[in-house]
PDB file of all heavy atoms in Angstrom:
ATOM      1  N   ASN A   1     101.229 148.666  60.928  1.00  0.00           N
ATOM      2  CA  ASN A   1     101.855 149.892  60.435  1.00  0.00           C
ATOM      3  C   ASN A   1     102.399 150.648  61.639  1.00  0.00           C
ATOM      4  O   ASN A   1     101.648 151.006  62.553  1.00  0.00           O
ATOM      5  CB  ASN A   1     100.833 150.765  59.695  1.00  0.00           C
ATOM      6  CG  ASN A   1     101.465 151.981  59.058  1.00  0.00           C
ATOM      7  OD1 ASN A   1     102.179 151.864  58.069  1.00  0.00           O
ATOM      8  ND2 ASN A   1     101.224 153.155  59.615  1.00  0.00           N
ATOM      9  N   ALA A   2     103.701 150.862  61.670  1.00  0.00           N
ATOM     10  CA  ALA A   2     104.361 151.489  62.821  1.00  0.00           C
ATOM     11  C   ALA A   2     104.755 152.924  62.498  1.00  0.00           C
ATOM     12  O   ALA A   2     105.185 153.235  61.387  1.00  0.00           O
ATOM     13  CB  ALA A   2     105.594 150.688  63.231  1.00  0.00           C
ATOM     14  N   MET A   3     104.614 153.794  63.491  1.00  0.00           N
ATOM     15  CA  MET A   3     104.977 155.201  63.341  1.00  0.00           C
ATOM     16  C   MET A   3     105.827 155.631  64.536  1.00  0.00           C
ATOM     17  O   MET A   3     105.441 155.414  65.683  1.00  0.00           O
ATOM     18  CB  MET A   3     103.723 156.073  63.273  1.00  0.00           C
ATOM     19  CG  MET A   3     104.013 157.568  63.230  1.00  0.00           C
ATOM     20  SD  MET A   3     102.500 158.579  63.230  1.00  0.00           S
ATOM     21  CE  MET A   3     102.006 158.471  64.954  1.00  0.00           C
ATOM     22  N   SER A   4     106.986 156.206  64.258  1.00  0.00           N
ATOM     23  CA  SER A   4     107.808 156.747  65.339  1.00  0.00           C
ATOM     24  C   SER A   4     107.630 158.256  65.392  1.00  0.00           C
ATOM     25  O   SER A   4     107.418 158.914  64.365  1.00  0.00           O
ATOM     26  CB  SER A   4     109.289 156.396  65.143  1.00  0.00           C
ATOM     27  OG  SER A   4     109.780 156.896  63.915  1.00  0.00           O
ATOM     28  N   LEU A   5     107.704 158.787  66.607  1.00  0.00           N
ATOM     29  CA  LEU A   5     107.427 160.201  66.836  1.00  0.00           C
ATOM     30  C   LEU A   5     108.517 160.795  67.722  1.00  0.00           C
ATOM     31  O   LEU A   5     108.797 160.269  68.805  1.00  0.00           O
ATOM     32  CB  LEU A   5     106.065 160.326  67.511  1.00  0.00           C
ATOM     33  CG  LEU A   5     105.466 161.703  67.742  1.00  0.00           C
ATOM     34  CD1 LEU A   5     105.125 162.349  66.407  1.00  0.00           C
ATOM     35  CD2 LEU A   5     104.207 161.584  68.599  1.00  0.00           C
ATOM     36  N   ARG A   6     109.169 161.868  67.253  1.00  0.00           N
ATOM     37  CA  ARG A   6     110.175 162.550  68.062  1.00  0.00           C
ATOM     38  C   ARG A   6     109.507 163.709  68.792  1.00  0.00           C
ATOM     39  O   ARG A   6     108.944 164.616  68.175  1.00  0.00           O
ATOM     40  CB  ARG A   6     111.329 163.072  67.207  1.00  0.00           C
ATOM     41  CG  ARG A   6     112.357 163.865  68.025  1.00  0.00           C
ATOM     42  CD  ARG A   6     113.555 164.326  67.210  1.00  0.00           C
ATOM     43  NE  ARG A   6     114.444 163.217  66.881  1.00  0.00           N
ATOM     44  CZ  ARG A   6     114.619 162.719  65.660  1.00  0.00           C
ATOM     45  NH1 ARG A   6     113.946 163.249  64.628  1.00  0.00           N
ATOM     46  NH2 ARG A   6     115.437 161.726  65.439  1.00  0.00           N
ATOM     47  N   LEU A   7     109.572 163.677  70.117  1.00  0.00           N
ATOM     48  CA  LEU A   7     108.988 164.736  70.929  1.00  0.00           C
ATOM     49  C   LEU A   7     109.865 165.989  70.873  1.00  0.00           C
ATOM     50  O   LEU A   7     111.035 165.916  70.465  1.00  0.00           O
ATOM     51  CB  LEU A   7     108.843 164.252  72.366  1.00  0.00           C
ATOM     52  CG  LEU A   7     108.049 162.964  72.570  1.00  0.00           C
ATOM     53  CD1 LEU A   7     107.993 162.606  74.052  1.00  0.00           C
ATOM     54  CD2 LEU A   7     106.662 163.094  71.986  1.00  0.00           C
ATOM     55  N   PRO A   8     109.345 167.152  71.266  1.00  0.00           N
ATOM     56  CA  PRO A   8     110.132 168.396  71.218  1.00  0.00           C
ATOM     57  C   PRO A   8     111.445 168.327  71.994  1.00  0.00           C
ATOM     58  O   PRO A   8     112.411 169.008  71.647  1.00  0.00           O
ATOM     59  CB  PRO A   8     109.177 169.421  71.845  1.00  0.00           C
ATOM     60  CG  PRO A   8     107.819 168.911  71.509  1.00  0.00           C
ATOM     61  CD  PRO A   8     107.936 167.412  71.635  1.00  0.00           C
ATOM     62  N   ASP A   9     111.505 167.488  73.054  1.00  0.00           N
ATOM     63  CA  ASP A   9     112.745 167.383  73.831  1.00  0.00           C
ATOM     64  C   ASP A   9     113.693 166.318  73.289  1.00  0.00           C
ATOM     65  O   ASP A   9     114.727 166.030  73.880  1.00  0.00           O
ATOM     66  CB  ASP A   9     112.436 167.093  75.307  1.00  0.00           C
ATOM     67  CG  ASP A   9     111.675 165.794  75.511  1.00  0.00           C
ATOM     68  OD1 ASP A   9     111.540 165.013  74.536  1.00  0.00           O
ATOM     69  OD2 ASP A   9     111.205 165.544  76.644  1.00  0.00           O
ATOM     70  N   GLY A  10     113.344 165.712  72.141  1.00  0.00           N
ATOM     71  CA  GLY A  10     114.218 164.750  71.492  1.00  0.00           C
ATOM     72  C   GLY A  10     113.921 163.288  71.806  1.00  0.00           C
ATOM     73  O   GLY A  10     114.437 162.393  71.135  1.00  0.00           O
ATOM     74  N   ARG A  11     113.128 163.031  72.812  1.00  0.00           N
ATOM     75  CA  ARG A  11     112.802 161.642  73.138  1.00  0.00           C
ATOM     76  C   ARG A  11     111.900 161.034  72.071  1.00  0.00           C
ATOM     77  O   ARG A  11     111.201 161.748  71.351  1.00  0.00           O
ATOM     78  CB  ARG A  11     112.132 161.567  74.511  1.00  0.00           C
ATOM     79  CG  ARG A  11     113.075 161.828  75.668  1.00  0.00           C
ATOM     80  CD  ARG A  11     112.351 161.703  77.010  1.00  0.00           C
ATOM     81  NE  ARG A  11     111.303 162.723  77.157  1.00  0.00           N
ATOM     82  CZ  ARG A  11     110.425 162.746  78.151  1.00  0.00           C
ATOM     83  NH1 ARG A  11     110.452 161.800  79.083  1.00  0.00           N
ATOM     84  NH2 ARG A  11     109.520 163.706  78.229  1.00  0.00           N
ATOM     85  N   MET A  12     111.920 159.701  71.995  1.00  0.00           N
ATOM     86  CA  MET A  12     111.163 158.998  70.966  1.00  0.00           C
ATOM     87  C   MET A  12     109.993 158.225  71.551  1.00  0.00           C
ATOM     88  O   MET A  12     110.055 157.703  72.661  1.00  0.00           O
ATOM     89  CB  MET A  12     112.080 158.032  70.201  1.00  0.00           C
ATOM     90  CG  MET A  12     113.246 158.701  69.477  1.00  0.00           C
ATOM     91  SD  MET A  12     112.694 159.849  68.184  1.00  0.00           S
ATOM     92  CE  MET A  12     111.902 158.699  67.046  1.00  0.00           C
ATOM     93  N   MET A  13     108.937 158.156  70.770  1.00  0.00           N
ATOM     94  CA  MET A  13     107.717 157.428  71.116  1.00  0.00           C
ATOM     95  C   MET A  13     107.245 156.732  69.843  1.00  0.00           C
ATOM     96  O   MET A  13     107.577 157.159  68.735  1.00  0.00           O
ATOM     97  CB  MET A  13     106.666 158.413  71.621  1.00  0.00           C
ATOM     98  CG  MET A  13     105.310 157.834  71.920  1.00  0.00           C
ATOM     99  SD  MET A  13     104.120 159.129  72.420  1.00  0.00           S
ATOM    100  CE  MET A  13     104.777 159.585  74.016  1.00  0.00           C
ATOM    101  N   ALA A  14     106.498 155.647  69.990  1.00  0.00           N
ATOM    102  CA  ALA A  14     106.013 154.944  68.807  1.00  0.00           C
ATOM    103  C   ALA A  14     104.567 154.503  68.997  1.00  0.00           C
ATOM    104  O   ALA A  14     104.132 154.216  70.108  1.00  0.00           O
ATOM    105  CB  ALA A  14     106.897 153.731  68.501  1.00  0.00           C
ATOM    106  N   VAL A  15     103.841 154.449  67.879  1.00  0.00           N
ATOM    107  CA  VAL A  15     102.474 153.941  67.853  1.00  0.00           C
ATOM    108  C   VAL A  15     102.404 152.923  66.728  1.00  0.00           C
ATOM    109  O   VAL A  15     102.882 153.184  65.620  1.00  0.00           O
ATOM    110  CB  VAL A  15     101.439 155.050  67.601  1.00  0.00           C
ATOM    111  CG1 VAL A  15     100.037 154.464  67.616  1.00  0.00           C
ATOM    112  CG2 VAL A  15     101.558 156.150  68.634  1.00  0.00           C
ATOM    113  N   VAL A  16     101.817 151.763  67.007  1.00  0.00           N
ATOM    114  CA  VAL A  16     101.700 150.717  65.994  1.00  0.00           C
ATOM    115  C   VAL A  16     100.231 150.351  65.800  1.00  0.00           C
ATOM    116  O   VAL A  16      99.548 149.983  66.757  1.00  0.00           O
ATOM    117  CB  VAL A  16     102.506 149.457  66.388  1.00  0.00           C
ATOM    118  CG1 VAL A  16     102.424 148.417  65.269  1.00  0.00           C
ATOM    119  CG2 VAL A  16     103.961 149.804  66.675  1.00  0.00           C
ATOM    120  N   GLN A  17      99.757 150.468  64.571  1.00  0.00           N
ATOM    121  CA  GLN A  17      98.400 150.056  64.207  1.00  0.00           C
ATOM    122  C   GLN A  17      98.471 148.593  63.764  1.00  0.00           C
ATOM    123  O   GLN A  17      99.247 148.252  62.866  1.00  0.00           O
ATOM    124  CB  GLN A  17      97.874 150.910  63.057  1.00  0.00           C
ATOM    125  CG  GLN A  17      97.802 152.398  63.336  1.00  0.00           C
ATOM    126  CD  GLN A  17      97.570 153.178  62.055  1.00  0.00           C
ATOM    127  OE1 GLN A  17      98.478 153.345  61.252  1.00  0.00           O
ATOM    128  NE2 GLN A  17      96.339 153.643  61.846  1.00  0.00           N
ATOM    129  N   ILE A  18      97.671 147.746  64.380  1.00  0.00           N
ATOM    130  CA  ILE A  18      97.743 146.305  64.112  1.00  0.00           C
ATOM    131  C   ILE A  18      96.392 145.796  63.629  1.00  0.00           C
ATOM    132  O   ILE A  18      95.374 145.993  64.290  1.00  0.00           O
ATOM    133  CB  ILE A  18      98.174 145.536  65.375  1.00  0.00           C
ATOM    134  CG1 ILE A  18      99.519 146.069  65.880  1.00  0.00           C
ATOM    135  CG2 ILE A  18      98.264 144.042  65.095  1.00  0.00           C
ATOM    136  CD1 ILE A  18      99.921 145.514  67.231  1.00  0.00           C
ATOM    137  N   ALA A  19      96.389 145.128  62.483  1.00  0.00           N
ATOM    138  CA  ALA A  19      95.160 144.547  61.958  1.00  0.00           C
ATOM    139  C   ALA A  19      94.746 143.373  62.836  1.00  0.00           C
ATOM    140  O   ALA A  19      95.569 142.767  63.525  1.00  0.00           O
ATOM    141  CB  ALA A  19      95.380 144.069  60.523  1.00  0.00           C
ATOM    142  N   GLY A  20      93.453 143.038  62.816  1.00  0.00           N
ATOM    143  CA  GLY A  20      92.950 141.961  63.660  1.00  0.00           C
ATOM    144  C   GLY A  20      92.338 140.828  62.874  1.00  0.00           C
ATOM    145  O   GLY A  20      92.590 140.671  61.671  1.00  0.00           O
ATOM    146  N   LEU A  21      91.509 140.048  63.529  1.00  0.00           N
ATOM    147  CA  LEU A  21      90.883 138.877  62.934  1.00  0.00           C
ATOM    148  C   LEU A  21      89.965 139.254  61.779  1.00  0.00           C
ATOM    149  O   LEU A  21      89.884 138.562  60.781  1.00  0.00           O
ATOM    150  CB  LEU A  21      90.092 138.127  64.015  1.00  0.00           C
ATOM    151  CG  LEU A  21      89.447 136.802  63.622  1.00  0.00           C
ATOM    152  CD1 LEU A  21      90.522 135.779  63.291  1.00  0.00           C
ATOM    153  CD2 LEU A  21      88.562 136.290  64.754  1.00  0.00           C
ATOM    154  N   ILE A  22      89.262 140.387  61.932  1.00  0.00           N
ATOM    155  CA  ILE A  22      88.322 140.826  60.903  1.00  0.00           C
ATOM    156  C   ILE A  22      88.908 141.960  60.068  1.00  0.00           C
ATOM    157  O   ILE A  22      88.629 142.088  58.887  1.00  0.00           O
ATOM    158  CB  ILE A  22      87.001 141.295  61.551  1.00  0.00           C
ATOM    159  CG1 ILE A  22      86.411 140.162  62.403  1.00  0.00           C
ATOM    160  CG2 ILE A  22      85.989 141.714  60.495  1.00  0.00           C
ATOM    161  CD1 ILE A  22      85.178 140.552  63.168  1.00  0.00           C
ATOM    162  N   ALA A  23      89.751 142.784  60.708  1.00  0.00           N
ATOM    163  CA  ALA A  23      90.325 143.940  60.004  1.00  0.00           C
ATOM    164  C   ALA A  23      91.168 143.496  58.813  1.00  0.00           C
ATOM    165  O   ALA A  23      91.907 142.537  58.897  1.00  0.00           O
ATOM    166  CB  ALA A  23      91.175 144.764  60.954  1.00  0.00           C
ATOM    167  N   ARG A  24      91.050 144.218  57.704  1.00  0.00           N
ATOM    168  CA  ARG A  24      91.839 143.887  56.521  1.00  0.00           C
ATOM    169  C   ARG A  24      92.462 145.124  55.868  1.00  0.00           C
ATOM    170  O   ARG A  24      93.044 145.022  54.804  1.00  0.00           O
ATOM    171  CB  ARG A  24      90.947 143.158  55.489  1.00  0.00           C
ATOM    172  CG  ARG A  24      90.595 141.727  55.869  1.00  0.00           C
ATOM    173  CD  ARG A  24      91.849 140.852  55.922  1.00  0.00           C
ATOM    174  NE  ARG A  24      91.543 139.451  56.147  1.00  0.00           N
ATOM    175  CZ  ARG A  24      91.393 138.903  57.339  1.00  0.00           C
ATOM    176  NH1 ARG A  24      91.515 139.661  58.415  1.00  0.00           N
ATOM    177  NH2 ARG A  24      91.141 137.625  57.468  1.00  0.00           N
ATOM    178  N   ARG A  25      92.351 146.259  56.535  1.00  0.00           N
ATOM    179  CA  ARG A  25      92.958 147.456  55.948  1.00  0.00           C
ATOM    180  C   ARG A  25      93.341 148.443  57.033  1.00  0.00           C
ATOM    181  O   ARG A  25      92.537 148.799  57.892  1.00  0.00           O
ATOM    182  CB  ARG A  25      91.998 148.117  54.956  1.00  0.00           C
ATOM    183  CG  ARG A  25      92.523 149.443  54.404  1.00  0.00           C
ATOM    184  CD  ARG A  25      91.879 149.804  53.100  1.00  0.00           C
ATOM    185  NE  ARG A  25      92.162 151.165  52.701  1.00  0.00           N
ATOM    186  CZ  ARG A  25      93.339 151.596  52.217  1.00  0.00           C
ATOM    187  NH1 ARG A  25      94.343 150.763  52.098  1.00  0.00           N
ATOM    188  NH2 ARG A  25      93.486 152.853  51.861  1.00  0.00           N
ATOM    189  N   ILE A  26      94.605 148.879  56.972  1.00  0.00           N
ATOM    190  CA  ILE A  26      95.121 149.884  57.888  1.00  0.00           C
ATOM    191  C   ILE A  26      95.301 151.181  57.106  1.00  0.00           C
ATOM    192  O   ILE A  26      95.907 151.189  56.043  1.00  0.00           O
ATOM    193  CB  ILE A  26      96.469 149.444  58.495  1.00  0.00           C
ATOM    194  CG1 ILE A  26      96.281 148.181  59.337  1.00  0.00           C
ATOM    195  CG2 ILE A  26      97.073 150.564  59.340  1.00  0.00           C
ATOM    196  CD1 ILE A  26      97.583 147.594  59.861  1.00  0.00           C
ATOM    197  N   VAL A  27      94.766 152.262  57.623  1.00  0.00           N
ATOM    198  CA  VAL A  27      94.879 153.568  56.971  1.00  0.00           C
ATOM    199  C   VAL A  27      95.752 154.471  57.833  1.00  0.00           C
ATOM    200  O   VAL A  27      95.505 154.622  59.029  1.00  0.00           O
ATOM    201  CB  VAL A  27      93.490 154.213  56.787  1.00  0.00           C
ATOM    202  CG1 VAL A  27      93.632 155.596  56.158  1.00  0.00           C
ATOM    203  CG2 VAL A  27      92.597 153.321  55.942  1.00  0.00           C
ATOM    204  N   CYS A  28      96.783 155.059  57.236  1.00  0.00           N
ATOM    205  CA  CYS A  28      97.648 156.019  57.925  1.00  0.00           C
ATOM    206  C   CYS A  28      97.719 157.272  57.073  1.00  0.00           C
ATOM    207  O   CYS A  28      98.155 157.226  55.921  1.00  0.00           O
ATOM    208  CB  CYS A  28      99.047 155.441  58.141  1.00  0.00           C
ATOM    209  SG  CYS A  28     100.171 156.555  59.032  1.00  0.00           S
ATOM    210  N   SER A  29      97.284 158.401  57.620  1.00  0.00           N
ATOM    211  CA  SER A  29      97.162 159.631  56.835  1.00  0.00           C
ATOM    212  C   SER A  29      98.298 160.624  57.062  1.00  0.00           C
ATOM    213  O   SER A  29      98.236 161.747  56.564  1.00  0.00           O
ATOM    214  CB  SER A  29      95.825 160.311  57.144  1.00  0.00           C
ATOM    215  OG  SER A  29      95.706 160.561  58.544  1.00  0.00           O
ATOM    216  N   VAL A  30      99.315 160.239  57.817  1.00  0.00           N
ATOM    217  CA  VAL A  30     100.457 161.131  58.022  1.00  0.00           C
ATOM    218  C   VAL A  30     101.670 160.564  57.293  1.00  0.00           C
ATOM    219  O   VAL A  30     101.680 159.407  56.888  1.00  0.00           O
ATOM    220  CB  VAL A  30     100.794 161.312  59.527  1.00  0.00           C
ATOM    221  CG1 VAL A  30      99.621 161.945  60.249  1.00  0.00           C
ATOM    222  CG2 VAL A  30     101.166 159.979  60.163  1.00  0.00           C
ATOM    223  N   SER A  31     102.690 161.396  57.140  1.00  0.00           N
ATOM    224  CA  SER A  31     103.909 160.966  56.449  1.00  0.00           C
ATOM    225  C   SER A  31     105.137 161.441  57.214  1.00  0.00           C
ATOM    226  O   SER A  31     105.045 162.301  58.104  1.00  0.00           O
ATOM    227  CB  SER A  31     103.936 161.514  55.019  1.00  0.00           C
ATOM    228  OG  SER A  31     103.816 162.930  55.027  1.00  0.00           O
ATOM    229  N   GLU A  32     106.263 160.877  56.890  1.00  0.00           N
ATOM    230  CA  GLU A  32     107.508 161.215  57.575  1.00  0.00           C
ATOM    231  C   GLU A  32     107.837 162.699  57.411  1.00  0.00           C
ATOM    232  O   GLU A  32     107.686 163.274  56.345  1.00  0.00           O
ATOM    233  CB  GLU A  32     108.649 160.356  57.029  1.00  0.00           C
ATOM    234  CG  GLU A  32     108.467 158.875  57.305  1.00  0.00           C
ATOM    235  CD  GLU A  32     109.563 158.018  56.710  1.00  0.00           C
ATOM    236  OE1 GLU A  32     110.545 158.586  56.185  1.00  0.00           O
ATOM    237  OE2 GLU A  32     109.458 156.776  56.770  1.00  0.00           O
ATOM    238  N   GLY A  33     108.259 163.314  58.501  1.00  0.00           N
ATOM    239  CA  GLY A  33     108.617 164.726  58.491  1.00  0.00           C
ATOM    240  C   GLY A  33     107.494 165.652  58.910  1.00  0.00           C
ATOM    241  O   GLY A  33     107.725 166.843  59.149  1.00  0.00           O
ATOM    242  N   MET A  34     106.275 165.132  59.031  1.00  0.00           N
ATOM    243  CA  MET A  34     105.127 165.971  59.405  1.00  0.00           C
ATOM    244  C   MET A  34     105.179 166.345  60.878  1.00  0.00           C
ATOM    245  O   MET A  34     105.569 165.548  61.724  1.00  0.00           O
ATOM    246  CB  MET A  34     103.816 165.246  59.114  1.00  0.00           C
ATOM    247  CG  MET A  34     103.422 165.199  57.652  1.00  0.00           C
ATOM    248  SD  MET A  34     101.770 164.441  57.394  1.00  0.00           S
ATOM    249  CE  MET A  34     100.723 165.587  58.300  1.00  0.00           C
ATOM    250  N   GLN A  35     104.766 167.577  61.172  1.00  0.00           N
ATOM    251  CA  GLN A  35     104.586 168.020  62.551  1.00  0.00           C
ATOM    252  C   GLN A  35     103.143 167.706  62.940  1.00  0.00           C
ATOM    253  O   GLN A  35     102.213 168.073  62.225  1.00  0.00           O
ATOM    254  CB  GLN A  35     104.829 169.534  62.655  1.00  0.00           C
ATOM    255  CG  GLN A  35     106.228 169.979  62.250  1.00  0.00           C
ATOM    256  CD  GLN A  35     107.274 169.606  63.293  1.00  0.00           C
ATOM    257  OE1 GLN A  35     106.972 169.542  64.484  1.00  0.00           O
ATOM    258  NE2 GLN A  35     108.486 169.352  62.846  1.00  0.00           N
TER     259      GLN A  35
END
């Protein structure tokens, strides 16, 4: 599950949650447009 983030100066950053060998569920509690 990938999330892109726009910093206050306009630059972009991203965070990606990746499931593993045992992991079977990714939880993301934010949505597009949230500060």
